[in-house]
Amino acid sequence: MAKDRVISHLSCEECKGRNYTQVVTRKRKVGDLKLSKYCSSCRKHTVHKETK
C-alpha cells in the first residue's frame, strides 16, 4: 500500500526555497499542484509549486 506513495516538495515561487513536503500518489503528474502557503523566508503568503 505504501509503495504507491512518494514524497513531493513544495517550493516558493518567489525565493525558490523548499518549505513544505507532501505525500502524494505516483499516478499523479508532478508539477500540477499550486497552493498558497506561508513562506518563512519571504515572511508572507506566496504561491508554492510542487517540485520533484
C-alpha atoms as a PDB file:
ATOM      1  CA  MET A   1       0.000   0.000   0.000  1.00  0.00           C
ATOM      2  CA  ALA A   2       2.769   2.441   0.839  1.00  0.00           C
ATOM      3  CA  LYS A   3       4.707   1.625  -2.333  1.00  0.00           C
ATOM      4  CA  ASP A   4       2.418   3.752  -4.481  1.00  0.00           C
ATOM      5  CA  ARG A   5       3.147   6.873  -2.385  1.00  0.00           C
ATOM      6  CA  VAL A   6       6.059   9.280  -2.858  1.00  0.00           C
ATOM      7  CA  ILE A   7       7.215  12.431  -1.028  1.00  0.00           C
ATOM      8  CA  SER A   8       6.797  15.634  -3.009  1.00  0.00           C
ATOM      9  CA  HIS A   9       8.276  19.027  -2.080  1.00  0.00           C
ATOM     10  CA  LEU A  10       6.556  22.405  -2.325  1.00  0.00           C
ATOM     11  CA  SER A  11       8.825  25.309  -3.230  1.00  0.00           C
ATOM     12  CA  CYS A  12       8.134  29.031  -3.067  1.00  0.00           C
ATOM     13  CA  GLU A  13       7.843  30.699  -6.467  1.00  0.00           C
ATOM     14  CA  GLU A  14       9.458  33.950  -5.258  1.00  0.00           C
ATOM     15  CA  CYS A  15      12.533  32.777  -3.334  1.00  0.00           C
ATOM     16  CA  LYS A  16      12.649  29.144  -4.667  1.00  0.00           C
ATOM     17  CA  GLY A  17      13.022  27.752  -1.138  1.00  0.00           C
ATOM     18  CA  ARG A  18      11.630  24.299  -0.393  1.00  0.00           C
ATOM     19  CA  ASN A  19       9.442  24.824   2.654  1.00  0.00           C
ATOM     20  CA  TYR A  20       6.873  22.017   2.745  1.00  0.00           C
ATOM     21  CA  THR A  21       6.648  18.294   1.975  1.00  0.00           C
ATOM     22  CA  GLN A  22       3.602  16.309   0.961  1.00  0.00           C
ATOM     23  CA  VAL A  23       2.888  12.613   0.408  1.00  0.00           C
ATOM     24  CA  VAL A  24       1.210  12.004  -2.973  1.00  0.00           C
ATOM     25  CA  THR A  25       0.464   9.001  -5.167  1.00  0.00           C
ATOM     26  CA  ARG A  26       2.781   8.045  -8.027  1.00  0.00           C
ATOM     27  CA  LYS A  27      -0.051   8.158 -10.567  1.00  0.00           C
ATOM     28  CA  ARG A  28      -0.301  11.967 -10.433  1.00  0.00           C
ATOM     29  CA  LYS A  29       1.715  14.216 -12.721  1.00  0.00           C
ATOM     30  CA  VAL A  30       4.411  16.212 -10.909  1.00  0.00           C
ATOM     31  CA  GLY A  31       4.072  19.980 -11.101  1.00  0.00           C
ATOM     32  CA  ASP A  32       0.294  20.308 -11.260  1.00  0.00           C
ATOM     33  CA  LEU A  33      -0.222  21.329  -7.638  1.00  0.00           C
ATOM     34  CA  LYS A  34      -0.091  25.022  -6.664  1.00  0.00           C
ATOM     35  CA  LEU A  35      -1.023  26.158  -3.158  1.00  0.00           C
ATOM     36  CA  SER A  36      -0.915  29.435  -1.271  1.00  0.00           C
ATOM     37  CA  LYS A  37       1.273  28.799   1.782  1.00  0.00           C
ATOM     38  CA  TYR A  38       3.281  30.881   4.251  1.00  0.00           C
ATOM     39  CA  CYS A  39       6.973  31.233   3.373  1.00  0.00           C
ATOM     40  CA  SER A  40       9.172  31.852   6.411  1.00  0.00           C
ATOM     41  CA  SER A  41      11.999  33.412   4.401  1.00  0.00           C
ATOM     42  CA  CYS A  42       9.700  35.810   2.487  1.00  0.00           C
ATOM     43  CA  ARG A  43       7.553  36.325   5.606  1.00  0.00           C
ATOM     44  CA  LYS A  44       4.293  36.365   3.662  1.00  0.00           C
ATOM     45  CA  HIS A  45       1.831  34.064   1.905  1.00  0.00           C
ATOM     46  CA  THR A  46       3.065  33.129  -1.567  1.00  0.00           C
ATOM     47  CA  VAL A  47       2.230  30.539  -4.202  1.00  0.00           C
ATOM     48  CA  HIS A  48       4.075  27.265  -3.657  1.00  0.00           C
ATOM     49  CA  LYS A  49       4.537  24.914  -6.606  1.00  0.00           C
ATOM     50  CA  GLU A  50       5.081  21.175  -6.451  1.00  0.00           C
ATOM     51  CA  THR A  51       8.606  20.014  -7.317  1.00  0.00           C
ATOM     52  CA  LYS A  52      10.137  16.579  -7.503  1.00  0.00           C
END
